[in-house]
C-alpha atoms as a PDB file:
ATOM      1  CA  MET A   1       6.378   7.601  -1.005  1.00  0.00           C
ATOM      2  CA  HIS A   2       5.390   6.138   2.292  1.00  0.00           C
ATOM      3  CA  GLU A   3       9.089   4.971   3.100  1.00  0.00           C
ATOM      4  CA  LEU A   4      10.140   9.050   3.615  1.00  0.00           C
ATOM      5  CA  PRO A   5       8.208   9.415   6.945  1.00  0.00           C
ATOM      6  CA  VAL A   6       9.377   5.840   8.174  1.00  0.00           C
ATOM      7  CA  THR A   7      13.036   6.651   6.865  1.00  0.00           C
ATOM      8  CA  GLN A   8      12.761  10.231   8.765  1.00  0.00           C
ATOM      9  CA  SER A   9      11.435   8.569  11.722  1.00  0.00           C
ATOM     10  CA  ILE A  10      14.464   5.962  11.785  1.00  0.00           C
ATOM     11  CA  LEU A  11      16.694   9.025  11.246  1.00  0.00           C
ATOM     12  CA  LYS A  12      15.191  10.550  14.486  1.00  0.00           C
ATOM     13  CA  ILE A  13      14.966   7.748  16.363  1.00  0.00           C
ATOM     14  CA  ALA A  14      18.788   7.125  15.623  1.00  0.00           C
ATOM     15  CA  LEU A  15      19.880  10.692  16.369  1.00  0.00           C
ATOM     16  CA  GLU A  16      17.930  10.500  19.438  1.00  0.00           C
ATOM     17  CA  HIS A  17      19.736   7.644  21.174  1.00  0.00           C
ATOM     18  CA  ALA A  18      23.074   8.756  19.789  1.00  0.00           C
ATOM     19  CA  GLU A  19      22.960  11.907  21.514  1.00  0.00           C
ATOM     20  CA  LYS A  20      21.727   9.941  24.494  1.00  0.00           C
ATOM     21  CA  ALA A  21      24.923   8.113  24.369  1.00  0.00           C
ATOM     22  CA  LYS A  22      26.805  10.876  23.360  1.00  0.00           C
ATOM     23  CA  ALA A  23      28.327   9.548  20.485  1.00  0.00           C
ATOM     24  CA  LYS A  24      30.225  11.069  17.800  1.00  0.00           C
ATOM     25  CA  ARG A  25      29.074   8.790  14.816  1.00  0.00           C
ATOM     26  CA  VAL A  26      26.280   6.734  13.941  1.00  0.00           C
ATOM     27  CA  ILE A  27      28.020   3.629  12.426  1.00  0.00           C
ATOM     28  CA  ASP A  28      25.409   0.658  11.477  1.00  0.00           C
ATOM     29  CA  LEU A  29      21.533   0.568  11.854  1.00  0.00           C
ATOM     30  CA  ASN A  30      20.028  -2.948  11.469  1.00  0.00           C
ATOM     31  CA  ILE A  31      16.351  -3.031  10.192  1.00  0.00           C
ATOM     32  CA  VAL A  32      13.900  -5.750  10.602  1.00  0.00           C
ATOM     33  CA  ILE A  33      11.237  -5.715   7.547  1.00  0.00           C
ATOM     34  CA  GLY A  34       8.644  -8.736   7.451  1.00  0.00           C
ATOM     35  CA  GLU A  35       8.377 -10.442   4.154  1.00  0.00           C
ATOM     36  CA  LEU A  36       4.459  -9.100   3.872  1.00  0.00           C
ATOM     37  CA  ALA A  37       5.261  -5.704   4.692  1.00  0.00           C
ATOM     38  CA  THR A  38       5.217  -2.850   2.262  1.00  0.00           C
ATOM     39  CA  MET A  39       8.477  -1.248   2.992  1.00  0.00           C
ATOM     40  CA  VAL A  40      10.934  -0.991   0.174  1.00  0.00           C
ATOM     41  CA  ASP A  41      14.662  -1.600   1.049  1.00  0.00           C
ATOM     42  CA  ASP A  42      16.154   0.586  -1.756  1.00  0.00           C
ATOM     43  CA  SER A  43      13.537   3.184  -1.334  1.00  0.00           C
ATOM     44  CA  ILE A  44      14.373   3.627   2.505  1.00  0.00           C
ATOM     45  CA  GLN A  45      18.349   3.760   1.350  1.00  0.00           C
ATOM     46  CA  PHE A  46      17.583   6.609  -1.252  1.00  0.00           C
ATOM     47  CA  TYR A  47      15.735   8.504   1.370  1.00  0.00           C
ATOM     48  CA  TRP A  48      18.406   7.784   4.047  1.00  0.00           C
ATOM     49  CA  GLU A  49      21.283   9.461   2.113  1.00  0.00           C
ATOM     50  CA  ILE A  50      19.105  12.480   1.678  1.00  0.00           C
ATOM     51  CA  ILE A  51      17.885  13.120   4.834  1.00  0.00           C
ATOM     52  CA  ALA A  52      20.852  11.924   6.968  1.00  0.00           C
ATOM     53  CA  ARG A  53      23.316  14.373   5.181  1.00  0.00           C
ATOM     54  CA  ASP A  54      24.968  16.771   7.391  1.00  0.00           C
ATOM     55  CA  THR A  55      24.345  14.468  10.311  1.00  0.00           C
ATOM     56  CA  ILE A  56      26.153  12.393  12.551  1.00  0.00           C
ATOM     57  CA  ALA A  57      24.523   9.727  10.524  1.00  0.00           C
ATOM     58  CA  GLU A  58      25.350  10.817   7.183  1.00  0.00           C
ATOM     59  CA  LYS A  59      27.693   7.690   6.494  1.00  0.00           C
ATOM     60  CA  ALA A  60      25.819   5.075   8.574  1.00  0.00           C
ATOM     61  CA  ASN A  61      25.348   1.773   6.849  1.00  0.00           C
ATOM     62  CA  LEU A  62      21.690   0.322   6.553  1.00  0.00           C
ATOM     63  CA  HIS A  63      21.282  -3.330   7.364  1.00  0.00           C
ATOM     64  CA  PHE A  64      18.193  -4.939   6.133  1.00  0.00           C
ATOM     65  CA  ARG A  65      17.017  -8.250   7.375  1.00  0.00           C
ATOM     66  CA  ARG A  66      13.743  -9.907   6.049  1.00  0.00           C
ATOM     67  CA  VAL A  67      11.402 -11.846   8.176  1.00  0.00           C
ATOM     68  CA  PRO A  68       9.871 -14.825   6.089  1.00  0.00           C
ATOM     69  CA  ALA A  69       6.197 -14.557   5.935  1.00  0.00           C
ATOM     70  CA  GLU A  70       4.237 -17.679   8.111  1.00  0.00           C
ATOM     71  CA  LEU A  71       0.813 -17.974   8.149  1.00  0.00           C
ATOM     72  CA  GLN A  72      -1.209 -20.237  10.153  1.00  0.00           C
ATOM     73  CA  CYS A  73      -4.449 -22.363   9.057  1.00  0.00           C
ATOM     74  CA  LEU A  74      -7.602 -21.604  11.414  1.00  0.00           C
ATOM     75  CA  SER A  75      -9.139 -24.167   9.977  1.00  0.00           C
ATOM     76  CA  CYS A  76      -6.622 -26.924  10.267  1.00  0.00           C
ATOM     77  CA  SER A  77      -3.795 -25.426  12.421  1.00  0.00           C
ATOM     78  CA  GLU A  78      -1.626 -25.908   9.692  1.00  0.00           C
ATOM     79  CA  LYS A  79       1.564 -23.676   9.822  1.00  0.00           C
ATOM     80  CA  TYR A  80       3.282 -22.549   6.472  1.00  0.00           C
ATOM     81  CA  HIS A  81       5.207 -20.377   4.690  1.00  0.00           C
ATOM     82  CA  PRO A  82       3.180 -19.238   1.788  1.00  0.00           C
ATOM     83  CA  ALA A  83       4.354 -19.581  -2.115  1.00  0.00           C
ATOM     84  CA  ASP A  84       4.161 -17.387  -4.669  1.00  0.00           C
ATOM     85  CA  GLY A  85       1.661 -14.884  -2.809  1.00  0.00           C
ATOM     86  CA  GLU A  86      -0.676 -17.392  -2.428  1.00  0.00           C
ATOM     87  CA  LEU A  87      -2.085 -17.140   0.995  1.00  0.00           C
ATOM     88  CA  ALA A  88      -4.745 -20.457   1.163  1.00  0.00           C
ATOM     89  CA  CYS A  89      -3.296 -23.086   3.061  1.00  0.00           C
ATOM     90  CA  LEU A  90      -1.230 -25.687   1.317  1.00  0.00           C
ATOM     91  CA  LYS A  91      -2.820 -28.404   3.544  1.00  0.00           C
ATOM     92  CA  CYS A  92      -6.775 -28.156   3.042  1.00  0.00           C
ATOM     93  CA  GLY A  93      -6.713 -24.912   0.920  1.00  0.00           C
ATOM     94  CA  SER A  94      -8.353 -22.626   3.148  1.00  0.00           C
ATOM     95  CA  ILE A  95      -8.159 -19.001   3.277  1.00  0.00           C
ATOM     96  CA  ASN A  96      -9.130 -18.501   7.043  1.00  0.00           C
ATOM     97  CA  VAL A  97      -5.647 -17.967   7.927  1.00  0.00           C
ATOM     98  CA  LYS A  98      -3.883 -15.605  10.493  1.00  0.00           C
ATOM     99  CA  ILE A  99      -0.316 -14.256   9.813  1.00  0.00           C
ATOM    100  CA  ILE A 100       1.989 -15.524  12.719  1.00  0.00           C
ATOM    101  CA  ALA A 101       5.347 -13.553  11.061  1.00  0.00           C
ATOM    102  CA  GLY A 102       6.043 -11.366   8.428  1.00  0.00           C
ATOM    103  CA  GLU A 103       4.464  -8.008   8.701  1.00  0.00           C
ATOM    104  CA  GLU A 104       7.221  -6.458  11.232  1.00  0.00           C
ATOM    105  CA  PHE A 105       9.311  -3.271  10.464  1.00  0.00           C
ATOM    106  CA  PHE A 106      11.328  -1.892  13.191  1.00  0.00           C
ATOM    107  CA  LEU A 107      14.855  -0.620  14.263  1.00  0.00           C
ATOM    108  CA  GLU A 108      16.562  -3.424  15.701  1.00  0.00           C
ATOM    109  CA  SER A 109      19.967  -1.857  16.589  1.00  0.00           C
ATOM    110  CA  ILE A 110      22.018   1.085  16.327  1.00  0.00           C
ATOM    111  CA  ASP A 111      25.780   1.103  16.497  1.00  0.00           C
ATOM    112  CA  VAL A 112      27.616   4.351  17.327  1.00  0.00           C
ATOM    113  CA  GLU A 113      30.708   5.289  18.268  1.00  0.00           C
END
């Protein structure tokens, strides 16, 4: 259910930028979601179709780009992509890791006409 307020924010941002550009229609929105982010593409799309109705963004296409998770072991400095949700270092087995990529969630670009 946390996708609803996020989708509302995306719509608000899109409409604000479209208005500033004096656009007649929002065509495409490019959304980046990290593999470790808890956002679900289908839920965002579902809410979008409801809340964008009767706006200039109603027929906009949402494009989702997933960023793979990348971790770095703080024990041995190994950088790796976790497999099957296993966060332990693949080289030394340590769970003392930091996330380098994969938590992103942002609106990368908006195309209008």
